[in-house]
């Protein structure tokens, strides 16, 4: 089992920045990738960015160039630096950890609210 705890959400003005953090505990050696998803009211949960253990990153087109995902394996943590925030980025952001062996299984944090005012 893997447990994930997010932090860093809050209220920020448009154009501002926030840094989200997620700490993993438990069977951390089973983790292949970690990432961030978000869900706005009335919308489906969507991938924001993820990163594999070898450092390969993937970003949603809507955040590419503005957000940066990073990972600290020693701390079992993943971070999301969010710059040039827009009200469209307002959502609950969820940390995700993916196990890929013996089969894919996703673990989720409780979520942290990000609100961007205009």
N, C-alpha and C. Protein backbone atom coordinates (compact mmCIF):
# COMPACT_ATOMS: atom_id res chain seq x y z
N UNK A 1 0.83 -1.19 0.00
CA UNK A 1 0.00 0.00 0.00
C UNK A 1 0.87 1.24 0.00
N UNK A 2 0.38 2.28 -0.64
CA UNK A 2 1.05 3.57 -0.70
C UNK A 2 0.08 4.63 -0.21
N UNK A 3 0.57 5.49 0.65
CA UNK A 3 -0.22 6.62 1.14
C UNK A 3 0.39 7.91 0.61
N UNK A 4 -0.47 8.83 0.19
CA UNK A 4 -0.04 10.08 -0.40
C UNK A 4 -0.69 11.24 0.34
N UNK A 5 0.11 12.26 0.65
CA UNK A 5 -0.38 13.44 1.33
C UNK A 5 0.07 14.67 0.56
N UNK A 6 -0.90 15.48 0.12
CA UNK A 6 -0.60 16.69 -0.64
C UNK A 6 -0.59 17.91 0.27
N UNK A 7 0.12 18.93 -0.18
CA UNK A 7 0.12 20.21 0.50
C UNK A 7 0.50 21.30 -0.50
N UNK A 8 0.25 22.54 -0.13
CA UNK A 8 0.67 23.67 -0.95
C UNK A 8 -0.44 24.39 -1.68
N UNK A 9 -1.65 23.86 -1.64
CA UNK A 9 -2.75 24.54 -2.30
C UNK A 9 -3.13 25.81 -1.57
N UNK A 10 -3.94 26.61 -2.24
CA UNK A 10 -4.39 27.85 -1.63
C UNK A 10 -4.98 28.79 -2.65
N UNK A 11 -5.12 30.03 -2.25
CA UNK A 11 -5.69 31.08 -3.08
C UNK A 11 -4.57 31.96 -3.62
N UNK A 12 -4.61 32.20 -4.91
CA UNK A 12 -3.59 33.02 -5.55
C UNK A 12 -4.24 33.86 -6.65
N UNK A 13 -3.67 35.01 -6.92
CA UNK A 13 -4.17 35.86 -7.99
C UNK A 13 -3.68 35.38 -9.34
N UNK A 14 -4.45 35.70 -10.38
CA UNK A 14 -4.04 35.35 -11.73
C UNK A 14 -2.65 35.89 -12.02
N UNK A 15 -1.84 35.05 -12.65
CA UNK A 15 -0.47 35.42 -12.93
C UNK A 15 0.51 35.00 -11.86
N UNK A 16 -0.01 34.57 -10.72
CA UNK A 16 0.83 34.17 -9.62
C UNK A 16 1.30 32.73 -9.72
N UNK A 17 1.95 32.29 -8.66
CA UNK A 17 2.54 30.95 -8.63
C UNK A 17 2.21 30.22 -7.34
N UNK A 18 2.20 28.91 -7.44
CA UNK A 18 2.06 28.03 -6.29
C UNK A 18 2.94 26.82 -6.51
N UNK A 19 3.36 26.21 -5.42
CA UNK A 19 4.14 24.99 -5.48
C UNK A 19 3.44 23.92 -4.65
N UNK A 20 3.03 22.86 -5.30
CA UNK A 20 2.39 21.75 -4.63
C UNK A 20 3.41 20.68 -4.28
N UNK A 21 3.21 20.04 -3.14
CA UNK A 21 4.08 18.97 -2.71
C UNK A 21 3.25 17.74 -2.39
N UNK A 22 3.83 16.58 -2.60
CA UNK A 22 3.19 15.32 -2.27
C UNK A 22 4.24 14.38 -1.71
N UNK A 23 3.97 13.85 -0.53
CA UNK A 23 4.86 12.90 0.11
C UNK A 23 4.24 11.52 0.12
N UNK A 24 5.01 10.53 -0.28
CA UNK A 24 4.54 9.15 -0.33
C UNK A 24 5.15 8.34 0.80
N UNK A 25 4.36 7.42 1.32
CA UNK A 25 4.85 6.50 2.33
C UNK A 25 4.25 5.12 2.09
N UNK A 26 4.81 4.13 2.74
CA UNK A 26 4.35 2.77 2.54
C UNK A 26 5.28 2.03 1.60
N UNK A 27 4.69 1.31 0.66
CA UNK A 27 5.47 0.51 -0.30
C UNK A 27 5.97 1.39 -1.45
N UNK A 28 6.84 2.32 -1.12
CA UNK A 28 7.29 3.29 -2.11
C UNK A 28 8.13 2.66 -3.20
N UNK A 29 8.74 1.52 -2.93
CA UNK A 29 9.57 0.87 -3.95
C UNK A 29 8.74 0.29 -5.08
N UNK A 30 7.45 0.19 -4.89
CA UNK A 30 6.58 -0.31 -5.94
C UNK A 30 6.18 0.77 -6.94
N UNK A 31 6.49 2.01 -6.63
CA UNK A 31 6.05 3.13 -7.46
C UNK A 31 6.89 3.23 -8.72
N UNK A 32 6.22 3.32 -9.85
CA UNK A 32 6.88 3.55 -11.12
C UNK A 32 6.83 5.01 -11.53
N UNK A 33 5.70 5.65 -11.28
CA UNK A 33 5.56 7.05 -11.64
C UNK A 33 4.71 7.76 -10.60
N UNK A 34 4.88 9.07 -10.54
CA UNK A 34 4.05 9.91 -9.70
C UNK A 34 3.61 11.10 -10.53
N UNK A 35 2.48 11.66 -10.16
CA UNK A 35 2.00 12.77 -10.93
C UNK A 35 0.89 13.53 -10.25
N UNK A 36 0.34 14.46 -11.01
CA UNK A 36 -0.72 15.32 -10.52
C UNK A 36 -1.89 15.30 -11.49
N UNK A 37 -3.08 15.16 -10.94
CA UNK A 37 -4.33 15.29 -11.67
C UNK A 37 -5.12 16.41 -11.04
N UNK A 38 -6.10 16.92 -11.76
CA UNK A 38 -6.96 17.93 -11.18
C UNK A 38 -8.40 17.71 -11.63
N UNK A 39 -9.31 18.20 -10.82
CA UNK A 39 -10.72 18.09 -11.13
C UNK A 39 -11.42 19.38 -10.75
N UNK A 40 -11.98 20.04 -11.75
CA UNK A 40 -12.76 21.24 -11.54
C UNK A 40 -14.23 20.86 -11.42
N UNK A 41 -15.05 21.71 -10.78
CA UNK A 41 -16.47 21.40 -10.65
C UNK A 41 -17.13 21.13 -11.99
N UNK A 42 -17.86 20.03 -12.07
CA UNK A 42 -18.56 19.68 -13.29
C UNK A 42 -17.70 19.08 -14.38
N UNK A 43 -16.44 18.85 -14.11
CA UNK A 43 -15.54 18.29 -15.11
C UNK A 43 -14.95 16.97 -14.65
N UNK A 44 -14.45 16.21 -15.61
CA UNK A 44 -13.76 14.97 -15.31
C UNK A 44 -12.37 15.25 -14.75
N UNK A 45 -11.88 14.32 -13.96
CA UNK A 45 -10.51 14.44 -13.49
C UNK A 45 -9.57 14.28 -14.68
N UNK A 46 -8.58 15.14 -14.77
CA UNK A 46 -7.67 15.13 -15.89
C UNK A 46 -6.22 15.14 -15.43
N UNK A 47 -5.38 14.55 -16.24
CA UNK A 47 -3.95 14.54 -15.97
C UNK A 47 -3.39 15.94 -16.15
N UNK A 48 -2.58 16.36 -15.19
CA UNK A 48 -1.83 17.61 -15.31
C UNK A 48 -0.41 17.31 -15.76
N UNK A 49 0.27 16.45 -15.01
CA UNK A 49 1.64 16.08 -15.34
C UNK A 49 2.01 14.84 -14.56
N UNK A 50 2.94 14.07 -15.09
CA UNK A 50 3.48 12.96 -14.33
C UNK A 50 4.96 12.78 -14.65
N UNK A 51 5.62 12.00 -13.82
CA UNK A 51 7.05 11.78 -13.97
C UNK A 51 7.38 10.36 -13.55
N UNK A 52 8.19 9.67 -14.32
CA UNK A 52 8.58 8.31 -14.02
C UNK A 52 9.84 8.30 -13.16
N UNK A 53 10.22 7.10 -12.70
CA UNK A 53 11.38 6.99 -11.84
C UNK A 53 12.67 7.37 -12.56
N UNK A 54 12.68 7.26 -13.87
CA UNK A 54 13.87 7.64 -14.63
C UNK A 54 13.85 9.11 -15.05
N UNK A 55 12.83 9.84 -14.63
CA UNK A 55 12.79 11.27 -14.88
C UNK A 55 12.02 11.71 -16.10
N UNK A 56 11.41 10.80 -16.82
CA UNK A 56 10.62 11.16 -17.99
C UNK A 56 9.36 11.88 -17.56
N UNK A 57 9.09 13.03 -18.15
CA UNK A 57 7.93 13.84 -17.78
C UNK A 57 6.91 13.90 -18.90
N UNK A 58 5.68 14.15 -18.50
CA UNK A 58 4.58 14.29 -19.44
C UNK A 58 3.66 15.37 -18.91
N UNK A 59 3.21 16.26 -19.79
CA UNK A 59 2.37 17.38 -19.39
C UNK A 59 1.12 17.46 -20.26
N UNK A 60 0.05 17.89 -19.64
CA UNK A 60 -1.13 18.27 -20.39
C UNK A 60 -0.81 19.49 -21.25
N UNK A 61 -1.39 19.55 -22.43
CA UNK A 61 -1.15 20.70 -23.31
C UNK A 61 -1.56 22.01 -22.65
N UNK A 62 -2.54 21.97 -21.79
CA UNK A 62 -3.04 23.19 -21.18
C UNK A 62 -2.08 23.80 -20.16
N UNK A 63 -1.13 23.02 -19.67
CA UNK A 63 -0.20 23.52 -18.67
C UNK A 63 1.24 23.54 -19.14
N UNK A 64 1.49 22.96 -20.30
CA UNK A 64 2.85 22.87 -20.82
C UNK A 64 3.46 24.26 -20.97
N UNK A 65 4.66 24.41 -20.44
CA UNK A 65 5.33 25.70 -20.48
C UNK A 65 5.09 26.56 -19.26
N UNK A 66 4.07 26.22 -18.48
CA UNK A 66 3.76 26.99 -17.27
C UNK A 66 4.04 26.19 -15.99
N UNK A 67 3.80 24.90 -16.06
CA UNK A 67 3.98 24.03 -14.89
C UNK A 67 5.22 23.18 -15.06
N UNK A 68 5.85 22.85 -13.95
CA UNK A 68 7.01 21.97 -13.96
C UNK A 68 6.86 20.93 -12.86
N UNK A 69 6.97 19.67 -13.24
CA UNK A 69 6.90 18.60 -12.27
C UNK A 69 8.32 18.12 -11.96
N UNK A 70 8.57 17.78 -10.71
CA UNK A 70 9.86 17.27 -10.32
C UNK A 70 9.68 16.22 -9.23
N UNK A 71 10.74 15.47 -9.00
CA UNK A 71 10.66 14.36 -8.06
C UNK A 71 11.93 14.28 -7.23
N UNK A 72 11.77 13.95 -5.97
CA UNK A 72 12.90 13.74 -5.08
C UNK A 72 12.76 12.33 -4.53
N UNK A 73 13.50 11.41 -5.12
CA UNK A 73 13.37 10.00 -4.73
C UNK A 73 13.82 9.76 -3.29
N UNK A 74 14.81 10.50 -2.83
CA UNK A 74 15.29 10.34 -1.46
C UNK A 74 14.22 10.68 -0.44
N UNK A 75 13.37 11.63 -0.78
CA UNK A 75 12.28 12.05 0.10
C UNK A 75 10.95 11.41 -0.25
N UNK A 76 10.93 10.60 -1.29
CA UNK A 76 9.69 9.99 -1.78
C UNK A 76 8.62 11.05 -2.00
N UNK A 77 9.02 12.09 -2.70
CA UNK A 77 8.14 13.22 -2.90
C UNK A 77 8.10 13.66 -4.36
N UNK A 78 6.99 14.26 -4.72
CA UNK A 78 6.83 14.85 -6.04
C UNK A 78 6.30 16.26 -5.86
N UNK A 79 6.70 17.15 -6.77
CA UNK A 79 6.34 18.55 -6.65
C UNK A 79 5.76 19.05 -7.97
N UNK A 80 4.95 20.06 -7.87
CA UNK A 80 4.42 20.71 -9.06
C UNK A 80 4.55 22.21 -8.88
N UNK A 81 5.46 22.81 -9.63
CA UNK A 81 5.61 24.25 -9.64
C UNK A 81 4.68 24.82 -10.69
N UNK A 82 3.76 25.67 -10.26
CA UNK A 82 2.74 26.22 -11.14
C UNK A 82 2.96 27.72 -11.26
N UNK A 83 3.26 28.16 -12.46
CA UNK A 83 3.49 29.57 -12.74
C UNK A 83 2.43 30.10 -13.71
N UNK A 84 2.32 31.41 -13.77
CA UNK A 84 1.37 32.06 -14.68
C UNK A 84 -0.02 31.48 -14.55
N UNK A 85 -0.47 31.36 -13.32
CA UNK A 85 -1.75 30.72 -13.06
C UNK A 85 -2.92 31.55 -13.59
N UNK A 86 -3.92 30.83 -14.05
CA UNK A 86 -5.13 31.41 -14.61
C UNK A 86 -6.33 30.90 -13.82
N UNK A 87 -7.45 31.63 -13.82
CA UNK A 87 -8.65 31.10 -13.18
C UNK A 87 -9.06 29.73 -13.70
N UNK A 88 -8.70 29.43 -14.94
CA UNK A 88 -9.01 28.12 -15.51
C UNK A 88 -8.24 26.99 -14.84
N UNK A 89 -7.24 27.33 -14.06
CA UNK A 89 -6.48 26.32 -13.32
C UNK A 89 -7.13 25.97 -11.99
N UNK A 90 -8.18 26.68 -11.63
CA UNK A 90 -8.87 26.41 -10.37
C UNK A 90 -9.44 25.00 -10.36
N UNK A 91 -9.07 24.23 -9.35
CA UNK A 91 -9.50 22.84 -9.26
C UNK A 91 -8.96 22.25 -7.97
N UNK A 92 -9.43 21.05 -7.66
CA UNK A 92 -8.78 20.25 -6.63
C UNK A 92 -7.69 19.45 -7.31
N UNK A 93 -6.50 19.54 -6.79
CA UNK A 93 -5.35 18.85 -7.36
C UNK A 93 -5.05 17.62 -6.53
N UNK A 94 -4.92 16.49 -7.22
CA UNK A 94 -4.70 15.21 -6.57
C UNK A 94 -3.34 14.64 -6.94
N UNK A 95 -2.62 14.22 -5.94
CA UNK A 95 -1.38 13.50 -6.17
C UNK A 95 -1.69 12.07 -6.56
N UNK A 96 -0.95 11.55 -7.50
CA UNK A 96 -1.15 10.19 -8.00
C UNK A 96 0.16 9.43 -7.96
N UNK A 97 0.08 8.17 -7.58
CA UNK A 97 1.22 7.27 -7.62
C UNK A 97 0.80 6.01 -8.33
N UNK A 98 1.57 5.61 -9.33
CA UNK A 98 1.21 4.47 -10.16
C UNK A 98 2.17 3.31 -9.98
N UNK A 99 1.61 2.18 -9.62
CA UNK A 99 2.31 0.91 -9.60
C UNK A 99 2.08 0.25 -10.95
N UNK A 100 3.12 -0.29 -11.55
CA UNK A 100 2.97 -0.91 -12.86
C UNK A 100 3.25 -2.41 -12.87
N UNK A 101 3.75 -2.95 -11.77
CA UNK A 101 3.99 -4.37 -11.68
C UNK A 101 3.43 -4.91 -10.39
N UNK A 102 2.71 -6.03 -10.39
CA UNK A 102 2.46 -6.91 -11.54
C UNK A 102 1.43 -6.38 -12.52
N UNK A 103 0.67 -5.37 -12.11
CA UNK A 103 -0.30 -4.72 -12.97
C UNK A 103 -0.42 -3.26 -12.54
N UNK A 104 -0.96 -2.45 -13.40
CA UNK A 104 -1.10 -1.05 -13.06
C UNK A 104 -2.15 -0.85 -11.97
N UNK A 105 -1.78 -0.06 -10.98
CA UNK A 105 -2.69 0.32 -9.91
C UNK A 105 -2.36 1.73 -9.46
N UNK A 106 -3.38 2.53 -9.32
CA UNK A 106 -3.20 3.93 -8.97
C UNK A 106 -3.60 4.22 -7.53
N UNK A 107 -2.73 4.95 -6.85
CA UNK A 107 -3.01 5.45 -5.52
C UNK A 107 -3.26 6.95 -5.60
N UNK A 108 -4.11 7.45 -4.72
CA UNK A 108 -4.51 8.85 -4.77
C UNK A 108 -4.42 9.51 -3.41
N UNK A 109 -4.01 10.77 -3.42
CA UNK A 109 -4.08 11.57 -2.22
C UNK A 109 -5.47 12.13 -2.02
N UNK A 110 -5.66 12.86 -0.93
CA UNK A 110 -6.97 13.41 -0.61
C UNK A 110 -7.31 14.66 -1.42
N UNK A 111 -6.32 15.29 -1.99
CA UNK A 111 -6.53 16.47 -2.81
C UNK A 111 -6.25 17.75 -2.06
N UNK A 112 -5.82 18.75 -2.80
CA UNK A 112 -5.58 20.07 -2.24
C UNK A 112 -6.20 21.11 -3.18
N UNK A 113 -6.93 22.05 -2.61
CA UNK A 113 -7.66 23.03 -3.41
C UNK A 113 -6.73 24.13 -3.90
N UNK A 114 -6.82 24.42 -5.19
CA UNK A 114 -6.13 25.55 -5.78
C UNK A 114 -7.19 26.48 -6.38
N UNK A 115 -7.20 27.71 -5.92
CA UNK A 115 -8.16 28.69 -6.41
C UNK A 115 -7.40 29.89 -6.94
N UNK A 116 -7.67 30.25 -8.19
CA UNK A 116 -7.00 31.36 -8.84
C UNK A 116 -8.03 32.44 -9.12
N UNK A 117 -7.84 33.61 -8.55
CA UNK A 117 -8.77 34.71 -8.73
C UNK A 117 -8.36 35.55 -9.93
N UNK A 118 -9.34 36.17 -10.57
CA UNK A 118 -9.07 37.00 -11.73
C UNK A 118 -8.63 38.40 -11.34
